[in-house]
C-alpha atoms as a PDB file:
ATOM      1  CA  MET A   1      25.369 -25.308  13.645  1.00  0.00           C
ATOM      2  CA  GLU A   2      22.200 -27.327  14.236  1.00  0.00           C
ATOM      3  CA  TYR A   3      19.088 -25.157  14.489  1.00  0.00           C
ATOM      4  CA  LYS A   4      15.855 -26.392  16.061  1.00  0.00           C
ATOM      5  CA  ASP A   5      12.657 -25.149  14.472  1.00  0.00           C
ATOM      6  CA  ASN A   6      10.707 -22.357  16.207  1.00  0.00           C
ATOM      7  CA  ASP A   7      13.644 -21.540  18.459  1.00  0.00           C
ATOM      8  CA  VAL A   8      14.185 -18.006  19.799  1.00  0.00           C
ATOM      9  CA  ILE A   9      17.230 -15.797  20.186  1.00  0.00           C
ATOM     10  CA  GLU A  10      18.316 -15.323  23.793  1.00  0.00           C
ATOM     11  CA  LYS A  11      21.387 -13.150  23.309  1.00  0.00           C
ATOM     12  CA  ILE A  12      23.357 -11.374  20.587  1.00  0.00           C
ATOM     13  CA  THR A  13      26.936 -10.232  21.179  1.00  0.00           C
ATOM     14  CA  ILE A  14      28.837  -8.128  18.649  1.00  0.00           C
ATOM     15  CA  ASP A  15      32.511  -7.257  19.056  1.00  0.00           C
ATOM     16  CA  TYR A  16      34.067  -4.733  16.685  1.00  0.00           C
ATOM     17  CA  ARG A  17      37.694  -3.604  16.536  1.00  0.00           C
ATOM     18  CA  ARG A  18      39.527  -1.064  14.371  1.00  0.00           C
ATOM     19  CA  ILE A  19      43.306  -0.765  14.470  1.00  0.00           C
ATOM     20  CA  THR A  20      44.772   2.237  12.642  1.00  0.00           C
ATOM     21  CA  ASP A  21      48.428   2.941  11.938  1.00  0.00           C
ATOM     22  CA  LEU A  22      48.820   6.714  12.393  1.00  0.00           C
ATOM     23  CA  GLY A  23      52.375   6.780  11.094  1.00  0.00           C
ATOM     24  CA  PRO A  24      55.777   7.492  12.662  1.00  0.00           C
ATOM     25  CA  ARG A  25      55.681   9.010  16.125  1.00  0.00           C
ATOM     26  CA  SER A  26      59.338   9.141  17.109  1.00  0.00           C
ATOM     27  CA  ILE A  27      62.775   7.696  16.426  1.00  0.00           C
ATOM     28  CA  SER A  28      64.680   6.003  19.238  1.00  0.00           C
ATOM     29  CA  ARG A  29      68.391   6.431  19.906  1.00  0.00           C
ATOM     30  CA  ASP A  30      69.210   3.247  18.048  1.00  0.00           C
ATOM     31  CA  GLY A  31      67.456   4.558  14.929  1.00  0.00           C
ATOM     32  CA  ALA A  32      64.307   2.460  15.230  1.00  0.00           C
ATOM     33  CA  THR A  33      61.065   4.165  14.258  1.00  0.00           C
ATOM     34  CA  ASN A  34      58.186   4.098  16.747  1.00  0.00           C
ATOM     35  CA  TYR A  35      54.712   4.134  15.223  1.00  0.00           C
ATOM     36  CA  ALA A  36      51.518   5.524  16.712  1.00  0.00           C
ATOM     37  CA  ILE A  37      48.668   3.023  16.775  1.00  0.00           C
ATOM     38  CA  ARG A  38      45.004   3.749  17.500  1.00  0.00           C
ATOM     39  CA  ASP A  39      43.126   0.747  18.868  1.00  0.00           C
ATOM     40  CA  TYR A  40      39.368   1.388  18.986  1.00  0.00           C
ATOM     41  CA  SER A  41      36.638  -1.126  19.775  1.00  0.00           C
ATOM     42  CA  GLU A  42      32.885  -1.348  20.326  1.00  0.00           C
ATOM     43  CA  HIS A  43      30.728  -4.034  21.889  1.00  0.00           C
ATOM     44  CA  ILE A  44      26.973  -4.563  21.830  1.00  0.00           C
ATOM     45  CA  ILE A  45      25.189  -7.140  23.970  1.00  0.00           C
ATOM     46  CA  ILE A  46      21.431  -7.666  23.603  1.00  0.00           C
ATOM     47  CA  ASP A  47      20.303  -9.979  26.395  1.00  0.00           C
ATOM     48  CA  ARG A  48      16.744 -11.305  26.718  1.00  0.00           C
ATOM     49  CA  LYS A  49      17.267 -12.741  30.217  1.00  0.00           C
ATOM     50  CA  ALA A  50      18.690  -9.476  31.569  1.00  0.00           C
ATOM     51  CA  GLU A  51      16.194  -7.463  29.470  1.00  0.00           C
ATOM     52  CA  SER A  52      19.040  -5.141  28.569  1.00  0.00           C
ATOM     53  CA  LEU A  53      21.072  -3.769  25.707  1.00  0.00           C
ATOM     54  CA  GLU A  54      24.631  -2.794  26.583  1.00  0.00           C
ATOM     55  CA  HIS A  55      26.729  -0.622  24.270  1.00  0.00           C
ATOM     56  CA  THR A  56      30.402  -0.173  25.141  1.00  0.00           C
ATOM     57  CA  LEU A  57      33.007   1.991  23.409  1.00  0.00           C
ATOM     58  CA  ASP A  58      36.748   1.707  24.104  1.00  0.00           C
ATOM     59  CA  PHE A  59      38.566   4.691  22.615  1.00  0.00           C
ATOM     60  CA  SER A  60      41.861   3.818  24.321  1.00  0.00           C
ATOM     61  CA  LYS A  61      43.060   2.089  27.469  1.00  0.00           C
ATOM     62  CA  ASP A  62      42.294   5.300  29.374  1.00  0.00           C
ATOM     63  CA  CYS A  63      38.963   6.181  27.755  1.00  0.00           C
ATOM     64  CA  HIS A  64      35.999   3.858  28.168  1.00  0.00           C
ATOM     65  CA  VAL A  65      32.270   4.618  27.709  1.00  0.00           C
ATOM     66  CA  SER A  66      29.429   2.241  28.525  1.00  0.00           C
ATOM     67  CA  ARG A  67      25.649   2.622  28.267  1.00  0.00           C
ATOM     68  CA  THR A  68      23.143   0.053  29.466  1.00  0.00           C
ATOM     69  CA  TYR A  69      19.485   0.179  28.452  1.00  0.00           C
ATOM     70  CA  HIS A  70      17.051  -1.828  30.584  1.00  0.00           C
ATOM     71  CA  SER A  71      13.529  -2.330  29.268  1.00  0.00           C
ATOM     72  CA  ALA A  72      11.178  -4.991  30.601  1.00  0.00           C
ATOM     73  CA  GLU A  73       9.534  -5.722  27.258  1.00  0.00           C
ATOM     74  CA  GLU A  74      11.231  -3.826  24.452  1.00  0.00           C
ATOM     75  CA  VAL A  75      14.482  -5.806  24.469  1.00  0.00           C
ATOM     76  CA  SER A  76      12.516  -9.023  23.948  1.00  0.00           C
ATOM     77  CA  THR A  77      10.446  -7.314  21.244  1.00  0.00           C
ATOM     78  CA  LEU A  78      13.662  -6.242  19.506  1.00  0.00           C
ATOM     79  CA  LEU A  79      15.078  -9.791  19.578  1.00  0.00           C
ATOM     80  CA  ASP A  80      11.796 -11.234  18.328  1.00  0.00           C
ATOM     81  CA  SER A  81      11.875  -8.880  15.329  1.00  0.00           C
ATOM     82  CA  PHE A  82      14.809 -10.883  13.915  1.00  0.00           C
ATOM     83  CA  ASN A  83      14.389 -14.198  12.112  1.00  0.00           C
ATOM     84  CA  ALA A  84      15.981 -16.602  14.575  1.00  0.00           C
ATOM     85  CA  LYS A  85      16.931 -19.171  11.948  1.00  0.00           C
ATOM     86  CA  TRP A  86      18.135 -16.924   9.147  1.00  0.00           C
ATOM     87  CA  LEU A  87      19.660 -13.969  11.012  1.00  0.00           C
ATOM     88  CA  PHE A  88      23.281 -13.546   9.843  1.00  0.00           C
ATOM     89  CA  ALA A  89      22.978 -16.718   7.757  1.00  0.00           C
ATOM     90  CA  CYS A  90      25.058 -15.592   4.781  1.00  0.00           C
ATOM     91  CA  THR A  91      27.633 -13.061   3.636  1.00  0.00           C
ATOM     92  CA  ARG A  92      28.276 -11.554   0.215  1.00  0.00           C
ATOM     93  CA  GLY A  93      31.839 -12.832   0.107  1.00  0.00           C
ATOM     94  CA  GLY A  94      34.430 -11.708  -2.386  1.00  0.00           C
ATOM     95  CA  SER A  95      37.290  -9.287  -1.858  1.00  0.00           C
ATOM     96  CA  THR A  96      37.079  -6.970   1.128  1.00  0.00           C
ATOM     97  CA  ASP A  97      36.532  -3.231   0.824  1.00  0.00           C
ATOM     98  CA  SER A  98      39.721  -2.683   2.805  1.00  0.00           C
ATOM     99  CA  ALA A  99      41.889  -4.932   0.651  1.00  0.00           C
ATOM    100  CA  GLY A 100      45.271  -3.338   0.198  1.00  0.00           C
ATOM    101  CA  ASP A 101      44.793  -0.889   3.047  1.00  0.00           C
ATOM    102  CA  LYS A 102      47.886  -1.623   5.113  1.00  0.00           C
ATOM    103  CA  TYR A 103      47.193   1.236   7.521  1.00  0.00           C
ATOM    104  CA  GLU A 104      43.897   0.019   8.972  1.00  0.00           C
ATOM    105  CA  ILE A 105      42.327  -3.256  10.053  1.00  0.00           C
ATOM    106  CA  LYS A 106      38.599  -3.573  10.818  1.00  0.00           C
ATOM    107  CA  GLU A 107      37.259  -6.867  12.128  1.00  0.00           C
ATOM    108  CA  TYR A 108      34.250  -8.244  13.970  1.00  0.00           C
ATOM    109  CA  LYS A 109      32.928 -11.250  15.829  1.00  0.00           C
ATOM    110  CA  ILE A 110      29.212 -12.003  16.231  1.00  0.00           C
ATOM    111  CA  THR A 111      27.744 -14.580  18.613  1.00  0.00           C
ATOM    112  CA  VAL A 112      24.047 -15.461  18.512  1.00  0.00           C
ATOM    113  CA  GLU A 113      22.829 -17.571  21.445  1.00  0.00           C
ATOM    114  CA  TYR A 114      19.594 -19.544  21.178  1.00  0.00           C
ATOM    115  CA  ARG A 115      17.270 -21.069  23.750  1.00  0.00           C
ATOM    116  CA  ASN A 116      17.531 -24.629  22.426  1.00  0.00           C
ATOM    117  CA  SER A 117      19.995 -24.608  19.517  1.00  0.00           C
ATOM    118  CA  GLU A 118      23.748 -24.377  19.201  1.00  0.00           C
ATOM    119  CA  ASN A 119      25.307 -20.918  19.192  1.00  0.00           C
ATOM    120  CA  LYS A 120      25.967 -19.246  15.870  1.00  0.00           C
ATOM    121  CA  ILE A 121      29.456 -17.692  15.753  1.00  0.00           C
ATOM    122  CA  LEU A 122      30.915 -15.808  12.818  1.00  0.00           C
ATOM    123  CA  SER A 123      33.746 -13.349  12.249  1.00  0.00           C
ATOM    124  CA  GLY A 124      35.496 -11.501   9.479  1.00  0.00           C
ATOM    125  CA  THR A 125      36.349  -8.106   8.072  1.00  0.00           C
ATOM    126  CA  PHE A 126      33.983  -5.278   8.997  1.00  0.00           C
ATOM    127  CA  ASP A 127      32.874  -4.233   5.519  1.00  0.00           C
ATOM    128  CA  ARG A 128      29.988  -4.924   3.146  1.00  0.00           C
ATOM    129  CA  ASN A 129      31.550  -8.115   1.800  1.00  0.00           C
ATOM    130  CA  GLY A 130      32.775  -9.510   5.100  1.00  0.00           C
ATOM    131  CA  LEU A 131      29.627  -8.779   7.124  1.00  0.00           C
ATOM    132  CA  PRO A 132      26.398 -10.793   6.903  1.00  0.00           C
ATOM    133  CA  SER A 133      24.198  -9.499   4.083  1.00  0.00           C
ATOM    134  CA  ASP A 134      21.362  -8.624   6.501  1.00  0.00           C
ATOM    135  CA  PHE A 135      23.596  -6.637   8.876  1.00  0.00           C
ATOM    136  CA  PRO A 136      22.360  -3.231   7.565  1.00  0.00           C
ATOM    137  CA  ARG A 137      18.763  -4.062   8.531  1.00  0.00           C
ATOM    138  CA  PHE A 138      19.898  -5.358  11.906  1.00  0.00           C
ATOM    139  CA  ALA A 139      21.913  -2.185  12.503  1.00  0.00           C
ATOM    140  CA  ALA A 140      18.978   0.042  11.503  1.00  0.00           C
ATOM    141  CA  LEU A 141      16.634  -1.621  14.014  1.00  0.00           C
ATOM    142  CA  VAL A 142      19.170  -1.460  16.850  1.00  0.00           C
ATOM    143  CA  LYS A 143      19.964   2.185  16.052  1.00  0.00           C
ATOM    144  CA  GLU A 144      16.256   3.031  16.116  1.00  0.00           C
ATOM    145  CA  PHE A 145      15.964   1.286  19.490  1.00  0.00           C
ATOM    146  CA  LEU A 146      18.825   3.394  20.879  1.00  0.00           C
ATOM    147  CA  ARG A 147      17.359   6.614  19.479  1.00  0.00           C
ATOM    148  CA  THR A 148      14.188   5.965  21.459  1.00  0.00           C
ATOM    149  CA  TYR A 149      16.189   6.550  24.646  1.00  0.00           C
ATOM    150  CA  SER A 150      18.528   9.266  23.411  1.00  0.00           C
ATOM    151  CA  ASP A 151      16.739  12.302  24.876  1.00  0.00           C
ATOM    152  CA  GLU A 152      18.752  13.551  27.854  1.00  0.00           C
ATOM    153  CA  GLU A 153      16.724  16.175  29.703  1.00  0.00           C
ATOM    154  CA  ILE A 154      19.603  17.319  31.918  1.00  0.00           C
ATOM    155  CA  LEU A 155      21.483  18.695  28.873  1.00  0.00           C
ATOM    156  CA  ASP A 156      18.451  19.973  26.938  1.00  0.00           C
ATOM    157  CA  PRO A 157      18.069  23.796  27.118  1.00  0.00           C
ATOM    158  CA  SER A 158      14.301  23.512  26.678  1.00  0.00           C
ATOM    159  CA  PHE A 159      14.122  22.000  30.163  1.00  0.00           C
ATOM    160  CA  TYR A 160      15.879  24.857  31.958  1.00  0.00           C
ATOM    161  CA  ASP A 161      15.643  28.073  29.920  1.00  0.00           C
ATOM    162  CA  GLY A 162      11.903  28.623  30.299  1.00  0.00           C
ATOM    163  CA  ARG A 163      10.802  27.542  26.842  1.00  0.00           C
ATOM    164  CA  LYS A 164       7.722  25.364  26.459  1.00  0.00           C
ATOM    165  CA  ILE A 165       8.484  21.672  26.698  1.00  0.00           C
ATOM    166  CA  SER A 166       6.782  19.388  24.226  1.00  0.00           C
ATOM    167  CA  LYS A 167       5.496  16.212  25.811  1.00  0.00           C
ATOM    168  CA  ASP A 168       4.500  14.698  22.479  1.00  0.00           C
ATOM    169  CA  LYS A 169       7.686  12.679  22.090  1.00  0.00           C
ATOM    170  CA  TYR A 170       6.336   9.496  20.475  1.00  0.00           C
ATOM    171  CA  ILE A 171       5.782   9.524  16.717  1.00  0.00           C
ATOM    172  CA  TYR A 172       3.276   6.941  15.480  1.00  0.00           C
ATOM    173  CA  CYS A 173       2.713   6.212  11.812  1.00  0.00           C
ATOM    174  CA  SER A 174      -0.418   4.493  10.566  1.00  0.00           C
ATOM    175  CA  VAL A 175       0.508   2.391   7.521  1.00  0.00           C
ATOM    176  CA  VAL A 176      -1.292   0.195   5.017  1.00  0.00           C
ATOM    177  CA  PHE A 177       0.018  -2.708   2.978  1.00  0.00           C
ATOM    178  CA  ASN A 178      -0.890  -3.342  -0.636  1.00  0.00           C
ATOM    179  CA  ASP A 179      -4.330  -4.775   0.126  1.00  0.00           C
ATOM    180  CA  ARG A 180      -5.305  -1.488   1.853  1.00  0.00           C
ATOM    181  CA  SER A 181      -7.854  -3.380   3.934  1.00  0.00           C
ATOM    182  CA  LYS A 182      -6.484  -2.383   7.326  1.00  0.00           C
ATOM    183  CA  SER A 183      -4.020   0.080   8.817  1.00  0.00           C
ATOM    184  CA  TYR A 184      -1.360  -0.738  11.412  1.00  0.00           C
ATOM    185  CA  TYR A 185       0.601   1.403  13.852  1.00  0.00           C
ATOM    186  CA  TYR A 186       4.406   1.597  13.781  1.00  0.00           C
ATOM    187  CA  ARG A 187       6.730   3.892  15.702  1.00  0.00           C
ATOM    188  CA  THR A 188       9.601   6.043  14.438  1.00  0.00           C
ATOM    189  CA  ASN A 189      11.981   8.802  15.520  1.00  0.00           C
ATOM    190  CA  ASP A 190      12.495   9.990  11.950  1.00  0.00           C
ATOM    191  CA  GLU A 191      10.778  13.384  11.798  1.00  0.00           C
ATOM    192  CA  THR A 192      11.379  13.646   8.040  1.00  0.00           C
ATOM    193  CA  LEU A 193       8.864  10.911   7.215  1.00  0.00           C
ATOM    194  CA  LYS A 194       5.613  12.173   5.708  1.00  0.00           C
ATOM    195  CA  VAL A 195       2.238  10.850   4.625  1.00  0.00           C
ATOM    196  CA  GLY A 196       2.595   8.976   1.341  1.00  0.00           C
ATOM    197  CA  ASP A 197       6.134   7.706   1.986  1.00  0.00           C
ATOM    198  CA  ILE A 198       6.831   4.020   1.338  1.00  0.00           C
ATOM    199  CA  VAL A 199       8.664   2.496   4.300  1.00  0.00           C
ATOM    200  CA  GLU A 200      10.184  -0.853   5.189  1.00  0.00           C
ATOM    201  CA  VAL A 201       8.709  -2.392   8.329  1.00  0.00           C
ATOM    202  CA  PRO A 202       9.102  -5.646  10.295  1.00  0.00           C
ATOM    203  CA  VAL A 203       6.205  -8.060   9.747  1.00  0.00           C
ATOM    204  CA  GLY A 204       5.247 -10.951  12.011  1.00  0.00           C
ATOM    205  CA  LEU A 205       7.566 -12.564  14.560  1.00  0.00           C
ATOM    206  CA  ASP A 206       9.949 -14.366  12.198  1.00  0.00           C
ATOM    207  CA  GLY A 207      12.096 -11.414  11.107  1.00  0.00           C
ATOM    208  CA  ARG A 208      10.372 -10.827   7.766  1.00  0.00           C
ATOM    209  CA  THR A 209      10.000  -7.299   6.437  1.00  0.00           C
ATOM    210  CA  GLY A 210       7.531  -5.687   4.085  1.00  0.00           C
ATOM    211  CA  GLU A 211       6.777  -2.410   2.343  1.00  0.00           C
ATOM    212  CA  ALA A 212       3.915  -0.195   3.480  1.00  0.00           C
ATOM    213  CA  ARG A 213       2.577   3.281   2.769  1.00  0.00           C
ATOM    214  CA  ILE A 214       2.196   5.877   5.529  1.00  0.00           C
ATOM    215  CA  VAL A 215      -1.376   7.190   5.615  1.00  0.00           C
ATOM    216  CA  GLU A 216      -1.299   9.115   8.886  1.00  0.00           C
ATOM    217  CA  ILE A 217       1.298  10.487  11.315  1.00  0.00           C
ATOM    218  CA  GLY A 218       0.692  11.578  14.898  1.00  0.00           C
ATOM    219  CA  ARG A 219       2.740  12.696  17.895  1.00  0.00           C
ATOM    220  CA  TYR A 220       1.642  11.551  21.325  1.00  0.00           C
ATOM    221  CA  ALA A 221       2.519  11.874  24.975  1.00  0.00           C
ATOM    222  CA  GLU A 222       3.338   8.569  26.649  1.00  0.00           C
ATOM    223  CA  GLU A 223      -0.050   8.362  28.362  1.00  0.00           C
ATOM    224  CA  ASN A 224      -1.950   8.957  25.099  1.00  0.00           C
ATOM    225  CA  VAL A 225      -0.236   6.649  22.596  1.00  0.00           C
ATOM    226  CA  PRO A 226      -2.718   4.802  20.339  1.00  0.00           C
ATOM    227  CA  HIS A 227      -1.008   1.430  20.844  1.00  0.00           C
ATOM    228  CA  PRO A 228       1.222   0.192  23.721  1.00  0.00           C
ATOM    229  CA  ILE A 229       4.797   1.414  23.236  1.00  0.00           C
ATOM    230  CA  ALA A 230       6.434  -1.934  23.995  1.00  0.00           C
ATOM    231  CA  LYS A 231       4.133  -3.750  21.567  1.00  0.00           C
ATOM    232  CA  THR A 232       4.518  -1.315  18.679  1.00  0.00           C
ATOM    233  CA  LYS A 233       7.159  -2.266  16.116  1.00  0.00           C
ATOM    234  CA  ILE A 234       9.602   0.272  14.741  1.00  0.00           C
ATOM    235  CA  ILE A 235       9.880   1.430  11.140  1.00  0.00           C
ATOM    236  CA  ILE A 236      13.214   0.332   9.649  1.00  0.00           C
ATOM    237  CA  GLY A 237      13.411   3.227   7.202  1.00  0.00           C
ATOM    238  CA  ARG A 238      12.301   4.460   3.817  1.00  0.00           C
ATOM    239  CA  TYR A 239      11.971   1.675   1.286  1.00  0.00           C
ATOM    240  CA  SER A 240      15.048   1.763  -0.927  1.00  0.00           C
ATOM    241  CA  ALA A 241      13.126   1.044  -4.136  1.00  0.00           C
ATOM    242  CA  HIS A 242      10.721   3.907  -3.557  1.00  0.00           C
ATOM    243  CA  VAL A 243       8.580   3.209  -6.604  1.00  0.00           C
ATOM    244  CA  ASP A 244       6.256   0.362  -5.648  1.00  0.00           C
ATOM    245  CA  ARG A 245       3.748  -0.619  -8.336  1.00  0.00           C
ATOM    246  CA  SER A 246       1.527  -2.469  -5.846  1.00  0.00           C
ATOM    247  CA  PHE A 247       0.419   0.886  -4.448  1.00  0.00           C
ATOM    248  CA  GLU A 248      -0.561   2.407  -7.776  1.00  0.00           C
ATOM    249  CA  ARG A 249      -4.210   2.990  -8.442  1.00  0.00           C
END
């Protein structure tokens, strides 16, 4: 594909399918064996123009679940957190994790649509060697986005059994980078994070990430957040190489 510099991502579509052979189900009168097959699929569409993220699950032809998240600014912020040029640019290659597994097939197709460049389309086996090497980071950011909207009040006992309801639902972490000259706010839903943890965070608008140390954690009601929710980036997770010499005194 031909990519034009400083382009932006308009839409990302991910199609996933898993076909599992569950073994013999019955034998017909003519002696032929009938096999049970499970055909499961998922689809994610992140659309800047519609300002929406749609997540669809197809468990069978009779069981279909779809969730659509509309957010006037956060969907665009999510798309801008990825490096438009290098997102899904390379895969590890090599043999697949599922090689030799004749009972299950896992496959995917990813389409990245740009504002001014040609679409990027790739497909393969849904495993660590067949997927793009940066898919885990992509998945972590999308999962964090979904977790932000995962609190259903109608099914939460704290909203109907008389217990006190906490309004402090937004967790903000103040972090510093290795120069320690200034702190920055990031959001998270991970309640296990603590002051002193080294975390991986998105930096800038080109999809880069960096490592930072948490120096303060606070919980806030929506009307009291220290930085606008839609403009606050989300922590990707704990830094995998937890020992970072740049933070040593």
